Protein backbone atom coordinates (compact mmCIF):
# COMPACT_ATOMS: atom_id res chain seq x y z
CA MET A 1 -60.80 3.47 10.04
CA PRO A 2 -62.69 1.24 7.65
CA THR A 3 -61.07 -1.85 6.19
CA GLY A 4 -61.76 -0.60 2.65
CA PHE A 5 -59.43 2.35 3.21
CA PHE A 6 -56.53 0.06 4.11
CA LEU A 7 -57.25 -2.18 1.16
CA ILE A 8 -57.26 0.72 -1.29
CA PHE A 9 -54.18 2.23 0.35
CA GLY A 10 -52.37 -1.11 0.06
CA VAL A 11 -53.22 -1.50 -3.61
CA VAL A 12 -52.12 2.06 -4.42
CA LEU A 13 -48.90 1.57 -2.46
CA PHE A 14 -48.24 -1.69 -4.31
CA PHE A 15 -48.59 -0.02 -7.71
CA ILE A 16 -46.34 2.87 -6.71
CA ILE A 17 -43.61 0.50 -5.53
CA PHE A 18 -44.05 -1.73 -8.59
CA ALA A 19 -43.68 1.23 -10.97
CA ALA A 20 -40.63 2.56 -9.13
CA VAL A 21 -38.85 -0.79 -9.20
CA ARG A 22 -39.71 -1.34 -12.84
CA LEU A 23 -38.34 2.07 -13.83
CA ALA A 24 -35.16 1.42 -11.83
CA VAL A 25 -34.52 -2.06 -13.25
CA GLU A 26 -35.34 -1.46 -16.93
CA PRO A 27 -32.08 0.39 -17.81
CA LEU A 28 -30.09 -2.35 -16.11
CA ILE A 29 -31.80 -5.01 -18.21
CA GLN A 30 -31.09 -3.12 -21.43
CA ASN A 31 -27.44 -2.64 -20.44
CA ASN A 32 -27.21 -6.34 -19.59
CA GLN A 33 -28.51 -7.27 -23.06
CA ILE A 34 -25.72 -5.27 -24.70
CA THR A 35 -23.13 -6.86 -22.41
CA SER A 36 -24.58 -10.28 -23.22
CA LEU A 37 -24.35 -9.59 -26.96
CA LYS A 38 -20.70 -8.59 -26.63
CA SER A 39 -20.03 -11.72 -24.59
CA ASP A 40 -21.77 -13.90 -27.20
CA LEU A 41 -19.75 -12.32 -30.00
CA SER A 42 -16.56 -12.88 -28.05
CA PHE A 43 -17.48 -16.54 -27.55
CA LEU A 44 -18.16 -16.99 -31.27
CA ASN A 45 -14.79 -15.44 -31.98
CA ASP A 46 -13.05 -17.67 -29.42
CA ILE A 47 -14.43 -20.89 -30.91
CA GLY A 48 -13.56 -19.83 -34.45
CA VAL A 49 -17.03 -19.18 -35.81
CA LEU A 50 -16.15 -15.52 -36.40
CA GLU A 51 -12.82 -14.44 -37.78
CA ASN A 52 -10.98 -11.66 -35.96
CA LYS A 53 -11.77 -9.11 -38.69
CA GLU A 54 -15.47 -10.00 -38.58
CA TYR A 55 -15.52 -9.90 -34.79
CA LYS A 56 -13.84 -6.50 -34.61
CA SER A 57 -16.12 -5.07 -37.30
CA ILE A 58 -19.28 -6.34 -35.60
CA LYS A 59 -18.06 -5.19 -32.19
CA ARG A 60 -17.36 -1.69 -33.56
CA THR A 61 -20.82 -1.60 -35.14
CA VAL A 62 -22.51 -2.61 -31.87
CA GLU A 63 -20.49 -0.06 -29.88
CA LYS A 64 -21.23 2.67 -32.43
CA LYS A 65 -24.94 1.86 -32.31
CA GLN A 66 -24.90 1.99 -28.51
CA GLU A 67 -23.02 5.29 -28.57
CA ASN A 68 -25.50 6.80 -31.04
CA GLU A 69 -28.44 5.65 -28.91
CA ASN A 70 -26.87 7.24 -25.84
CA LYS A 71 -26.27 10.50 -27.72
CA GLN A 72 -29.87 10.53 -28.93
CA LYS A 73 -31.12 9.97 -25.37
CA GLN A 74 -29.10 12.98 -24.23
CA ILE A 75 -30.43 15.11 -27.09
CA ASP A 76 -33.99 14.09 -26.24
CA LYS A 77 -33.44 14.83 -22.55
CA TYR A 78 -32.10 18.33 -23.13
CA SER A 79 -34.61 19.05 -25.91
CA VAL A 80 -37.44 18.53 -23.43
CA ILE A 81 -35.86 21.09 -21.09
CA LEU A 82 -35.43 23.60 -23.91
CA GLU A 83 -38.99 22.98 -25.08
CA GLU A 84 -40.29 23.76 -21.59
CA LEU A 85 -38.22 26.95 -21.46
CA LYS A 86 -39.69 27.99 -24.81
CA GLU A 87 -43.25 27.23 -23.68
CA GLU A 88 -42.74 29.25 -20.50
CA GLY A 89 -41.59 32.20 -22.60
CA ILE A 90 -38.10 32.20 -21.09
CA ILE A 91 -36.49 31.77 -24.49
CA SER A 92 -37.83 32.82 -27.90
CA GLU A 93 -38.58 30.50 -30.81
CA GLU A 94 -35.41 31.66 -32.60
CA ALA A 95 -33.28 31.13 -29.50
CA TYR A 96 -34.85 27.70 -29.04
CA GLU A 97 -34.00 26.66 -32.59
CA ASP A 98 -30.46 27.99 -32.20
CA LYS A 99 -29.97 26.08 -28.96
CA ILE A 100 -31.37 22.86 -30.47
CA ASN A 101 -28.94 23.22 -33.38
CA LYS A 102 -26.05 23.75 -30.96
CA LEU A 103 -27.14 20.72 -28.96
CA GLU A 104 -27.30 18.50 -32.04
CA THR A 105 -23.96 19.82 -33.28
CA TYR A 106 -22.38 19.06 -29.91
CA TYR A 107 -23.62 15.46 -29.83
CA LEU A 108 -23.76 14.56 -33.52
CA GLY A 109 -21.22 16.85 -35.13
CA ASP A 110 -22.09 18.49 -38.45
């Protein structure tokens, strides 16, 4: 086999592995940033820069934001599935809209 084939194969394999590792590590980095923020807030509270009321309020805000982001990710994930079902003709437009409303109600409430 020619050397060019192995070179191209190696480059393609490198990019596949690189993309897989990047996709696997990215959520861990984002989760680590949130953990780091909570740790930094805790430190500021411990040394007296933040009062307990401020610390608890900020911590609740950060946790609420993280929870809302997670809920939105779930909605987006399931919306894609429902969209594909609608495009394939498995569910009608009306059923799709009804299911999207149920999904948003489940995750977001009213």
